PDB file of N, CA and C in Angstrom:
ATOM      1  N   MET A   1      88.243  84.129  54.590  1.00  0.00           N
ATOM      2  CA  MET A   1      87.890  85.113  53.614  1.00  0.00           C
ATOM      3  C   MET A   1      86.385  85.211  53.573  1.00  0.00           C
ATOM      4  N   ASN A   2      85.866  86.371  53.489  1.00  0.00           N
ATOM      5  CA  ASN A   2      84.370  86.569  53.464  1.00  0.00           C
ATOM      6  C   ASN A   2      83.825  86.167  52.203  1.00  0.00           C
ATOM      7  N   GLU A   3      82.425  86.079  52.177  1.00  0.00           N
ATOM      8  CA  GLU A   3      81.699  85.600  51.024  1.00  0.00           C
ATOM      9  C   GLU A   3      81.890  86.563  49.773  1.00  0.00           C
ATOM     10  N   LYS A   4      81.869  87.955  50.098  1.00  0.00           N
ATOM     11  CA  LYS A   4      82.121  88.837  49.019  1.00  0.00           C
ATOM     12  C   LYS A   4      83.483  88.637  48.282  1.00  0.00           C
ATOM     13  N   ASN A   5      84.532  88.469  49.079  1.00  0.00           N
ATOM     14  CA  ASN A   5      85.872  88.252  48.529  1.00  0.00           C
ATOM     15  C   ASN A   5      85.888  86.942  47.732  1.00  0.00           C
ATOM     16  N   MET A   6      85.206  85.869  48.222  1.00  0.00           N
ATOM     17  CA  MET A   6      85.212  84.645  47.520  1.00  0.00           C
ATOM     18  C   MET A   6      84.429  84.742  46.193  1.00  0.00           C
ATOM     19  N   GLN A   7      83.373  85.562  46.140  1.00  0.00           N
ATOM     20  CA  GLN A   7      82.622  85.758  44.927  1.00  0.00           C
ATOM     21  C   GLN A   7      83.624  86.490  43.901  1.00  0.00           C
ATOM     22  N   THR A   8      84.322  87.472  44.374  1.00  0.00           N
ATOM     23  CA  THR A   8      85.268  88.201  43.453  1.00  0.00           C
ATOM     24  C   THR A   8      86.273  87.207  42.948  1.00  0.00           C
ATOM     25  N   MET A   9      86.797  86.342  43.815  1.00  0.00           N
ATOM     26  CA  MET A   9      87.898  85.400  43.340  1.00  0.00           C
ATOM     27  C   MET A   9      87.341  84.330  42.409  1.00  0.00           C
ATOM     28  N   ASN A  10      86.064  83.971  42.458  1.00  0.00           N
ATOM     29  CA  ASN A  10      85.486  82.908  41.688  1.00  0.00           C
ATOM     30  C   ASN A  10      84.941  83.406  40.325  1.00  0.00           C
ATOM     31  N   CYS A  11      85.492  84.415  39.739  1.00  0.00           N
ATOM     32  CA  CYS A  11      85.003  84.989  38.497  1.00  0.00           C
ATOM     33  C   CYS A  11      84.850  83.827  37.455  1.00  0.00           C
ATOM     34  N   ASN A  12      85.945  83.294  37.033  1.00  0.00           N
ATOM     35  CA  ASN A  12      85.967  82.323  36.027  1.00  0.00           C
ATOM     36  C   ASN A  12      86.817  81.128  36.417  1.00  0.00           C
ATOM     37  N   GLU A  13      87.654  81.228  37.374  1.00  0.00           N
ATOM     38  CA  GLU A  13      88.609  80.126  37.707  1.00  0.00           C
ATOM     39  C   GLU A  13      89.008  80.367  39.158  1.00  0.00           C
ATOM     40  N   GLU A  14      89.802  79.434  39.609  1.00  0.00           N
ATOM     41  CA  GLU A  14      90.223  79.485  40.992  1.00  0.00           C
ATOM     42  C   GLU A  14      90.967  80.827  41.278  1.00  0.00           C
ATOM     43  N   HIS A  15      91.861  81.191  40.399  1.00  0.00           N
ATOM     44  CA  HIS A  15      92.680  82.368  40.587  1.00  0.00           C
ATOM     45  C   HIS A  15      91.984  83.463  39.709  1.00  0.00           C
ATOM     46  N   CYS A  16      91.392  84.469  40.336  1.00  0.00           N
ATOM     47  CA  CYS A  16      90.572  85.402  39.620  1.00  0.00           C
ATOM     48  C   CYS A  16      91.417  86.257  38.716  1.00  0.00           C
ATOM     49  N   ALA A  17      91.157  86.216  37.432  1.00  0.00           N
ATOM     50  CA  ALA A  17      91.861  87.035  36.458  1.00  0.00           C
ATOM     51  C   ALA A  17      91.191  88.337  36.226  1.00  0.00           C
ATOM     52  N   CYS A  18      90.049  88.600  36.930  1.00  0.00           N
ATOM     53  CA  CYS A  18      89.337  89.827  36.694  1.00  0.00           C
ATOM     54  C   CYS A  18      89.681  90.992  37.622  1.00  0.00           C
ATOM     55  N   ARG A  19      90.448  90.697  38.629  1.00  0.00           N
ATOM     56  CA  ARG A  19      90.889  91.804  39.567  1.00  0.00           C
ATOM     57  C   ARG A  19      91.993  92.529  38.944  1.00  0.00           C
ATOM     58  N   HIS A  20      92.181  93.879  39.320  1.00  0.00           N
ATOM     59  CA  HIS A  20      93.266  94.662  38.836  1.00  0.00           C
ATOM     60  C   HIS A  20      93.877  95.330  40.038  1.00  0.00           C
ATOM     61  N   LYS A  21      95.214  95.670  39.823  1.00  0.00           N
ATOM     62  CA  LYS A  21      95.896  96.436  40.853  1.00  0.00           C
ATOM     63  C   LYS A  21      95.326  97.833  40.888  1.00  0.00           C
ATOM     64  N   HIS A  22      95.302  98.451  42.142  1.00  0.00           N
ATOM     65  CA  HIS A  22      94.906  99.776  42.259  1.00  0.00           C
ATOM     66  C   HIS A  22      96.071 100.737  41.906  1.00  0.00           C
ATOM     67  N   THR A  23      97.258 100.251  42.272  1.00  0.00           N
ATOM     68  CA  THR A  23      98.472 101.093  42.018  1.00  0.00           C
ATOM     69  C   THR A  23      99.114 100.484  40.810  1.00  0.00           C
ATOM     70  N   PRO A  24      99.242 101.164  39.653  1.00  0.00           N
ATOM     71  CA  PRO A  24      99.867 100.616  38.472  1.00  0.00           C
ATOM     72  C   PRO A  24     101.335 100.323  38.680  1.00  0.00           C
ATOM     73  N   ARG A  25     101.836  99.292  37.959  1.00  0.00           N
ATOM     74  CA  ARG A  25     103.240  99.039  37.942  1.00  0.00           C
ATOM     75  C   ARG A  25     103.990 100.146  37.247  1.00  0.00           C
ATOM     76  N   SER A  26     105.168 100.413  37.679  1.00  0.00           N
ATOM     77  CA  SER A  26     105.981 101.411  37.008  1.00  0.00           C
ATOM     78  C   SER A  26     106.423 100.898  35.657  1.00  0.00           C
ATOM     79  N   GLU A  27     106.732 101.749  34.677  1.00  0.00           N
ATOM     80  CA  GLU A  27     107.246 101.268  33.430  1.00  0.00           C
ATOM     81  C   GLU A  27     108.535 100.457  33.533  1.00  0.00           C
ATOM     82  N   LYS A  28     109.372 100.829  34.481  1.00  0.00           N
ATOM     83  CA  LYS A  28     110.552 100.050  34.704  1.00  0.00           C
ATOM     84  C   LYS A  28     110.301  98.714  35.229  1.00  0.00           C
ATOM     85  N   GLU A  29     109.385  98.580  36.203  1.00  0.00           N
ATOM     86  CA  GLU A  29     108.992  97.271  36.770  1.00  0.00           C
ATOM     87  C   GLU A  29     108.342  96.422  35.683  1.00  0.00           C
ATOM     88  N   LEU A  30     107.443  97.005  34.943  1.00  0.00           N
ATOM     89  CA  LEU A  30     106.705  96.306  33.892  1.00  0.00           C
ATOM     90  C   LEU A  30     107.674  95.725  32.778  1.00  0.00           C
ATOM     91  N   ARG A  31     108.622  96.569  32.388  1.00  0.00           N
ATOM     92  CA  ARG A  31     109.677  96.149  31.418  1.00  0.00           C
ATOM     93  C   ARG A  31     110.453  95.028  31.988  1.00  0.00           C
ATOM     94  N   ALA A  32     110.927  95.139  33.152  1.00  0.00           N
ATOM     95  CA  ALA A  32     111.753  94.124  33.836  1.00  0.00           C
ATOM     96  C   ALA A  32     110.976  92.772  33.877  1.00  0.00           C
ATOM     97  N   LEU A  33     109.763  92.785  34.279  1.00  0.00           N
ATOM     98  CA  LEU A  33     108.992  91.587  34.383  1.00  0.00           C
ATOM     99  C   LEU A  33     108.757  91.011  32.944  1.00  0.00           C
ATOM    100  N   GLN A  34     108.402  91.868  31.943  1.00  0.00           N
ATOM    101  CA  GLN A  34     108.240  91.311  30.645  1.00  0.00           C
ATOM    102  C   GLN A  34     109.476  90.777  30.056  1.00  0.00           C
ATOM    103  N   ASN A  35     110.626  91.378  30.326  1.00  0.00           N
ATOM    104  CA  ASN A  35     111.892  90.873  29.796  1.00  0.00           C
ATOM    105  C   ASN A  35     112.193  89.464  30.366  1.00  0.00           C
ATOM    106  N   ARG A  36     111.903  89.331  31.712  1.00  0.00           N
ATOM    107  CA  ARG A  36     112.133  88.016  32.339  1.00  0.00           C
ATOM    108  C   ARG A  36     111.191  86.994  31.758  1.00  0.00           C
ATOM    109  N   LEU A  37     110.002  87.312  31.401  1.00  0.00           N
ATOM    110  CA  LEU A  37     109.064  86.414  30.775  1.00  0.00           C
ATOM    111  C   LEU A  37     109.602  86.033  29.422  1.00  0.00           C
ATOM    112  N   LYS A  38     110.068  86.955  28.648  1.00  0.00           N
ATOM    113  CA  LYS A  38     110.554  86.662  27.312  1.00  0.00           C
ATOM    114  C   LYS A  38     111.750  85.706  27.359  1.00  0.00           C
ATOM    115  N   ARG A  39     112.615  85.903  28.315  1.00  0.00           N
ATOM    116  CA  ARG A  39     113.816  85.045  28.508  1.00  0.00           C
ATOM    117  C   ARG A  39     113.290  83.621  28.804  1.00  0.00           C
ATOM    118  N   MET A  40     112.315  83.523  29.704  1.00  0.00           N
ATOM    119  CA  MET A  40     111.832  82.212  30.073  1.00  0.00           C
ATOM    120  C   MET A  40     111.167  81.522  28.876  1.00  0.00           C
ATOM    121  N   LYS A  41     110.430  82.232  28.107  1.00  0.00           N
ATOM    122  CA  LYS A  41     109.836  81.682  26.815  1.00  0.00           C
ATOM    123  C   LYS A  41     110.896  81.223  25.926  1.00  0.00           C
ATOM    124  N   GLY A  42     111.986  81.958  25.764  1.00  0.00           N
ATOM    125  CA  GLY A  42     113.119  81.540  24.917  1.00  0.00           C
ATOM    126  C   GLY A  42     113.772  80.276  25.535  1.00  0.00           C
ATOM    127  N   GLN A  43     113.872  80.206  26.794  1.00  0.00           N
ATOM    128  CA  GLN A  43     114.401  78.944  27.406  1.00  0.00           C
ATOM    129  C   GLN A  43     113.558  77.702  27.205  1.00  0.00           C
ATOM    130  N   LEU A  44     112.225  77.949  27.304  1.00  0.00           N
ATOM    131  CA  LEU A  44     111.319  76.843  27.055  1.00  0.00           C
ATOM    132  C   LEU A  44     111.327  76.410  25.574  1.00  0.00           C
ATOM    133  N   GLY A  45     111.491  77.384  24.657  1.00  0.00           N
ATOM    134  CA  GLY A  45     111.641  77.015  23.262  1.00  0.00           C
ATOM    135  C   GLY A  45     112.892  76.256  23.083  1.00  0.00           C
ATOM    136  N   GLY A  46     113.952  76.589  23.831  1.00  0.00           N
ATOM    137  CA  GLY A  46     115.262  75.903  23.646  1.00  0.00           C
ATOM    138  C   GLY A  46     115.091  74.427  24.172  1.00  0.00           C
ATOM    139  N   ILE A  47     114.343  74.210  25.225  1.00  0.00           N
ATOM    140  CA  ILE A  47     114.093  72.926  25.748  1.00  0.00           C
ATOM    141  C   ILE A  47     113.319  72.106  24.665  1.00  0.00           C
ATOM    142  N   GLU A  48     112.340  72.756  24.123  1.00  0.00           N
ATOM    143  CA  GLU A  48     111.574  72.046  23.045  1.00  0.00           C
ATOM    144  C   GLU A  48     112.528  71.574  21.894  1.00  0.00           C
ATOM    145  N   LYS A  49     113.364  72.535  21.466  1.00  0.00           N
ATOM    146  CA  LYS A  49     114.344  72.211  20.344  1.00  0.00           C
ATOM    147  C   LYS A  49     115.266  71.037  20.861  1.00  0.00           C
ATOM    148  N   MET A  50     115.673  71.059  22.087  1.00  0.00           N
ATOM    149  CA  MET A  50     116.578  70.007  22.583  1.00  0.00           C
ATOM    150  C   MET A  50     115.844  68.622  22.509  1.00  0.00           C
ATOM    151  N   LEU A  51     114.579  68.625  22.803  1.00  0.00           N
ATOM    152  CA  LEU A  51     113.847  67.385  22.703  1.00  0.00           C
ATOM    153  C   LEU A  51     113.770  66.940  21.285  1.00  0.00           C
ATOM    154  N   GLU A  52     113.479  67.847  20.336  1.00  0.00           N
ATOM    155  CA  GLU A  52     113.398  67.520  18.919  1.00  0.00           C
ATOM    156  C   GLU A  52     114.759  66.946  18.447  1.00  0.00           C
ATOM    157  N   ASP A  53     115.863  67.563  18.975  1.00  0.00           N
ATOM    158  CA  ASP A  53     117.206  67.140  18.543  1.00  0.00           C
ATOM    159  C   ASP A  53     117.743  65.918  19.263  1.00  0.00           C
ATOM    160  N   ASN A  54     116.829  65.315  20.151  1.00  0.00           N
ATOM    161  CA  ASN A  54     117.164  64.110  20.951  1.00  0.00           C
ATOM    162  C   ASN A  54     118.444  64.361  21.790  1.00  0.00           C
ATOM    163  N   ARG A  55     118.521  65.563  22.407  1.00  0.00           N
ATOM    164  CA  ARG A  55     119.666  65.926  23.271  1.00  0.00           C
ATOM    165  C   ARG A  55     119.685  65.038  24.546  1.00  0.00           C
ATOM    166  N   TYR A  56     120.817  65.053  25.127  1.00  0.00           N
ATOM    167  CA  TYR A  56     121.102  64.303  26.299  1.00  0.00           C
ATOM    168  C   TYR A  56     120.213  64.704  27.465  1.00  0.00           C
ATOM    169  N   CYS A  57     119.597  63.778  28.184  1.00  0.00           N
ATOM    170  CA  CYS A  57     118.621  64.062  29.298  1.00  0.00           C
ATOM    171  C   CYS A  57     119.268  65.005  30.287  1.00  0.00           C
ATOM    172  N   GLY A  58     120.449  64.914  30.695  1.00  0.00           N
ATOM    173  CA  GLY A  58     121.016  65.738  31.692  1.00  0.00           C
ATOM    174  C   GLY A  58     121.119  67.186  31.241  1.00  0.00           C
ATOM    175  N   ASP A  59     121.403  67.450  30.004  1.00  0.00           N
ATOM    176  CA  ASP A  59     121.363  68.808  29.455  1.00  0.00           C
ATOM    177  C   ASP A  59     120.008  69.418  29.499  1.00  0.00           C
ATOM    178  N   ILE A  60     119.018  68.538  29.127  1.00  0.00           N
ATOM    179  CA  ILE A  60     117.623  69.095  29.178  1.00  0.00           C
ATOM    180  C   ILE A  60     117.274  69.409  30.619  1.00  0.00           C
ATOM    181  N   LEU A  61     117.532  68.529  31.547  1.00  0.00           N
ATOM    182  CA  LEU A  61     117.161  68.824  32.907  1.00  0.00           C
ATOM    183  C   LEU A  61     117.895  70.019  33.426  1.00  0.00           C
ATOM    184  N   THR A  62     119.114  70.316  32.997  1.00  0.00           N
ATOM    185  CA  THR A  62     119.799  71.536  33.428  1.00  0.00           C
ATOM    186  C   THR A  62     119.014  72.741  32.967  1.00  0.00           C
ATOM    187  N   GLN A  63     118.499  72.659  31.677  1.00  0.00           N
ATOM    188  CA  GLN A  63     117.735  73.856  31.236  1.00  0.00           C
ATOM    189  C   GLN A  63     116.330  74.012  31.975  1.00  0.00           C
ATOM    190  N   VAL A  64     115.773  72.837  32.287  1.00  0.00           N
ATOM    191  CA  VAL A  64     114.515  72.783  33.074  1.00  0.00           C
ATOM    192  C   VAL A  64     114.785  73.573  34.411  1.00  0.00           C
ATOM    193  N   ALA A  65     115.877  73.168  34.957  1.00  0.00           N
ATOM    194  CA  ALA A  65     116.263  73.754  36.271  1.00  0.00           C
ATOM    195  C   ALA A  65     116.393  75.306  36.219  1.00  0.00           C
ATOM    196  N   ALA A  66     117.002  75.735  35.031  1.00  0.00           N
ATOM    197  CA  ALA A  66     117.243  77.129  34.861  1.00  0.00           C
ATOM    198  C   ALA A  66     115.868  77.866  34.699  1.00  0.00           C
ATOM    199  N   VAL A  67     114.945  77.309  33.981  1.00  0.00           N
ATOM    200  CA  VAL A  67     113.636  77.862  33.806  1.00  0.00           C
ATOM    201  C   VAL A  67     112.877  77.969  35.173  1.00  0.00           C
ATOM    202  N   GLU A  68     112.961  76.808  35.955  1.00  0.00           N
ATOM    203  CA  GLU A  68     112.283  76.777  37.244  1.00  0.00           C
ATOM    204  C   GLU A  68     112.841  77.940  38.113  1.00  0.00           C
ATOM    205  N   SER A  69     114.174  78.073  38.109  1.00  0.00           N
ATOM    206  CA  SER A  69     114.759  79.109  38.964  1.00  0.00           C
ATOM    207  C   SER A  69     114.411  80.507  38.492  1.00  0.00           C
ATOM    208  N   ALA A  70     114.357  80.689  37.194  1.00  0.00           N
ATOM    209  CA  ALA A  70     113.931  81.999  36.600  1.00  0.00           C
ATOM    210  C   ALA A  70     112.447  82.300  36.941  1.00  0.00           C
ATOM    211  N   LEU A  71     111.610  81.291  36.942  1.00  0.00           N
ATOM    212  CA  LEU A  71     110.190  81.451  37.251  1.00  0.00           C
ATOM    213  C   LEU A  71     110.027  81.756  38.747  1.00  0.00           C
ATOM    214  N   GLN A  72     110.811  81.067  39.584  1.00  0.00           N
ATOM    215  CA  GLN A  72     110.791  81.283  40.961  1.00  0.00           C
ATOM    216  C   GLN A  72     111.171  82.831  41.325  1.00  0.00           C
ATOM    217  N   ASN A  73     112.259  83.223  40.707  1.00  0.00           N
ATOM    218  CA  ASN A  73     112.725  84.586  40.898  1.00  0.00           C
ATOM    219  C   ASN A  73     111.660  85.599  40.410  1.00  0.00           C
ATOM    220  N   PHE A  74     111.012  85.264  39.321  1.00  0.00           N
ATOM    221  CA  PHE A  74     109.991  86.155  38.745  1.00  0.00           C
ATOM    222  C   PHE A  74     108.798  86.208  39.741  1.00  0.00           C
ATOM    223  N   SER A  75     108.416  85.099  40.286  1.00  0.00           N
ATOM    224  CA  SER A  75     107.328  85.085  41.226  1.00  0.00           C
ATOM    225  C   SER A  75     107.665  85.874  42.500  1.00  0.00           C
ATOM    226  N   TYR A  76     108.949  85.804  42.978  1.00  0.00           N
ATOM    227  CA  TYR A  76     109.287  86.566  44.160  1.00  0.00           C
ATOM    228  C   TYR A  76     109.192  88.109  43.867  1.00  0.00           C
ATOM    229  N   LEU A  77     109.574  88.544  42.788  1.00  0.00           N
ATOM    230  CA  LEU A  77     109.501  89.899  42.366  1.00  0.00           C
ATOM    231  C   LEU A  77     108.031  90.423  42.451  1.00  0.00           C
ATOM    232  N   VAL A  78     107.156  89.582  41.806  1.00  0.00           N
ATOM    233  CA  VAL A  78     105.698  89.915  41.833  1.00  0.00           C
ATOM    234  C   VAL A  78     105.152  89.951  43.236  1.00  0.00           C
ATOM    235  N   LEU A  79     105.613  88.969  44.034  1.00  0.00           N
ATOM    236  CA  LEU A  79     105.111  88.887  45.437  1.00  0.00           C
ATOM    237  C   LEU A  79     105.703  90.072  46.226  1.00  0.00           C
ATOM    238  N   GLN A  80     106.876  90.443  45.982  1.00  0.00           N
ATOM    239  CA  GLN A  80     107.356  91.720  46.713  1.00  0.00           C
ATOM    240  C   GLN A  80     106.563  92.897  46.326  1.00  0.00           C
ATOM    241  N   SER A  81     106.323  93.088  45.014  1.00  0.00           N
ATOM    242  CA  SER A  81     105.467  94.227  44.649  1.00  0.00           C
ATOM    243  C   SER A  81     104.094  94.140  45.300  1.00  0.00           C
ATOM    244  N   HIS A  82     103.506  92.944  45.283  1.00  0.00           N
ATOM    245  CA  HIS A  82     102.199  92.719  45.811  1.00  0.00           C
ATOM    246  C   HIS A  82     102.131  93.252  47.286  1.00  0.00           C
ATOM    247  N   LEU A  83     103.187  92.718  48.049  1.00  0.00           N
ATOM    248  CA  LEU A  83     103.218  93.064  49.501  1.00  0.00           C
ATOM    249  C   LEU A  83     103.354  94.583  49.661  1.00  0.00           C
ATOM    250  N   GLU A  84     104.221  95.205  48.818  1.00  0.00           N
ATOM    251  CA  GLU A  84     104.553  96.651  49.068  1.00  0.00           C
ATOM    252  C   GLU A  84     103.350  97.554  48.584  1.00  0.00           C
ATOM    253  N   THR A  85     102.512  96.998  47.671  1.00  0.00           N
ATOM    254  CA  THR A  85     101.461  97.816  47.168  1.00  0.00           C
ATOM    255  C   THR A  85     100.105  97.307  47.616  1.00  0.00           C
ATOM    256  N   CYS A  86      99.635  96.265  46.972  1.00  0.00           N
ATOM    257  CA  CYS A  86      98.253  95.782  47.261  1.00  0.00           C
ATOM    258  C   CYS A  86      97.993  95.445  48.715  1.00  0.00           C
ATOM    259  N   VAL A  87      98.861  94.685  49.298  1.00  0.00           N
ATOM    260  CA  VAL A  87      98.730  94.231  50.692  1.00  0.00           C
ATOM    261  C   VAL A  87      98.787  95.459  51.595  1.00  0.00           C
ATOM    262  N   ALA A  88      99.826  96.332  51.434  1.00  0.00           N
ATOM    263  CA  ALA A  88      99.985  97.476  52.254  1.00  0.00           C
ATOM    264  C   ALA A  88      98.811  98.433  52.225  1.00  0.00           C
ATOM    265  N   GLU A  89      98.293  98.623  50.926  1.00  0.00           N
ATOM    266  CA  GLU A  89      97.105  99.551  50.770  1.00  0.00           C
ATOM    267  C   GLU A  89      95.886  98.881  51.517  1.00  0.00           C
ATOM    268  N   GLU A  90      95.620  97.633  51.428  1.00  0.00           N
ATOM    269  CA  GLU A  90      94.545  97.053  52.041  1.00  0.00           C
ATOM    270  C   GLU A  90      94.622  97.073  53.599  1.00  0.00           C
ATOM    271  N   ILE A  91      95.858  96.915  54.071  1.00  0.00           N
ATOM    272  CA  ILE A  91      96.017  96.985  55.533  1.00  0.00           C
ATOM    273  C   ILE A  91      95.744  98.386  56.067  1.00  0.00           C
ATOM    274  N   LYS A  92      96.273  99.366  55.207  1.00  0.00           N
ATOM    275  CA  LYS A  92      95.940 100.801  55.629  1.00  0.00           C
ATOM    276  C   LYS A  92      94.476 101.120  55.592  1.00  0.00           C
ATOM    277  N   LYS A  93      93.677 100.397  54.750  1.00  0.00           N
ATOM    278  CA  LYS A  93      92.216 100.577  54.740  1.00  0.00           C
ATOM    279  C   LYS A  93      91.544  99.790  55.941  1.00  0.00           C
ATOM    280  N   GLY A  94      92.293  98.978  56.613  1.00  0.00           N
ATOM    281  CA  GLY A  94      91.704  98.169  57.690  1.00  0.00           C
ATOM    282  C   GLY A  94      91.331  96.810  57.302  1.00  0.00           C
ATOM    283  N   ASN A  95      91.676  96.420  56.104  1.00  0.00           N
ATOM    284  CA  ASN A  95      91.358  95.013  55.619  1.00  0.00           C
ATOM    285  C   ASN A  95      92.419  94.077  55.994  1.00  0.00           C
ATOM    286  N   MET A  96      92.213  93.412  57.155  1.00  0.00           N
ATOM    287  CA  MET A  96      93.219  92.454  57.670  1.00  0.00           C
ATOM    288  C   MET A  96      93.119  91.109  57.024  1.00  0.00           C
ATOM    289  N   GLU A  97      92.035  90.854  56.312  1.00  0.00           N
ATOM    290  CA  GLU A  97      91.905  89.611  55.558  1.00  0.00           C
ATOM    291  C   GLU A  97      92.913  89.522  54.503  1.00  0.00           C
ATOM    292  N   ILE A  98      93.489  90.555  54.035  1.00  0.00           N
ATOM    293  CA  ILE A  98      94.578  90.516  53.074  1.00  0.00           C
ATOM    294  C   ILE A  98      95.740  89.771  53.527  1.00  0.00           C
ATOM    295  N   VAL A  99      95.956  89.790  54.824  1.00  0.00           N
ATOM    296  CA  VAL A  99      97.111  89.018  55.333  1.00  0.00           C
ATOM    297  C   VAL A  99      96.968  87.506  55.146  1.00  0.00           C
ATOM    298  N   GLU A 100      95.760  87.010  55.327  1.00  0.00           N
ATOM    299  CA  GLU A 100      95.467  85.611  55.083  1.00  0.00           C
ATOM    300  C   GLU A 100      95.732  85.265  53.579  1.00  0.00           C
ATOM    301  N   GLU A 101      95.227  86.179  52.697  1.00  0.00           N
ATOM    302  CA  GLU A 101      95.465  85.921  51.323  1.00  0.00           C
ATOM    303  C   GLU A 101      96.959  85.957  50.959  1.00  0.00           C
ATOM    304  N   ALA A 102      97.727  86.843  51.510  1.00  0.00           N
ATOM    305  CA  ALA A 102      99.119  86.886  51.352  1.00  0.00           C
ATOM    306  C   ALA A 102      99.872  85.663  51.776  1.00  0.00           C
ATOM    307  N   VAL A 103      99.478  85.171  52.987  1.00  0.00           N
ATOM    308  CA  VAL A 103     100.130  83.934  53.464  1.00  0.00           C
ATOM    309  C   VAL A 103      99.747  82.768  52.572  1.00  0.00           C
ATOM    310  N   ASP A 104      98.577  82.699  52.088  1.00  0.00           N
ATOM    311  CA  ASP A 104      98.144  81.658  51.098  1.00  0.00           C
ATOM    312  C   ASP A 104      99.008  81.729  49.797  1.00  0.00           C
ATOM    313  N   LEU A 105      99.251  82.905  49.297  1.00  0.00           N
ATOM    314  CA  LEU A 105     100.010  83.081  48.116  1.00  0.00           C
ATOM    315  C   LEU A 105     101.496  82.672  48.343  1.00  0.00           C
ATOM    316  N   ILE A 106     101.985  83.006  49.501  1.00  0.00           N
ATOM    317  CA  ILE A 106     103.370  82.647  49.844  1.00  0.00           C
ATOM    318  C   ILE A 106     103.470  81.058  49.901  1.00  0.00           C
ATOM    319  N   LYS A 107     102.532  80.464  50.498  1.00  0.00           N
ATOM    320  CA  LYS A 107     102.513  78.952  50.589  1.00  0.00           C
ATOM    321  C   LYS A 107     102.523  78.373  49.151  1.00  0.00           C
ATOM    322  N   LYS A 108     101.818  78.997  48.275  1.00  0.00           N
ATOM    323  CA  LYS A 108     101.726  78.400  46.930  1.00  0.00           C
ATOM    324  C   LYS A 108     103.084  78.491  46.165  1.00  0.00           C
ATOM    325  N   LEU A 109     103.940  79.434  46.604  1.00  0.00           N
ATOM    326  CA  LEU A 109     105.185  79.685  45.927  1.00  0.00           C
ATOM    327  C   LEU A 109     106.319  78.749  46.343  1.00  0.00           C
ATOM    328  N   LYS A 110     106.081  77.928  47.418  1.00  0.00           N
ATOM    329  CA  LYS A 110     107.139  77.046  47.953  1.00  0.00           C
ATOM    330  C   LYS A 110     107.508  75.954  46.994  1.00  0.00           C
TER     331      LYS A 110
END
């Protein structure tokens, strides 16, 4: 990754929160992602309540596994959108460095 891209990524943290998509998410996609996040928040709240209620460890771990699976699926949806929009757009512009970034992102999701 070149120095300019590294400066962009180092805004305030390792993962730059100041970049924005050039192609906006559709209302349908945005709603679907927000709904998934709300479900995960609810599941996390349920886990918190299970701890407070001194629930059986196996039951808590089952809920943790459900949240992990939901988060993994969420990340795959965001990755698919990223590849179809951001990455494709950058490749069309001749920016092949985006491929390295995409590979790094995929590695982080394993």
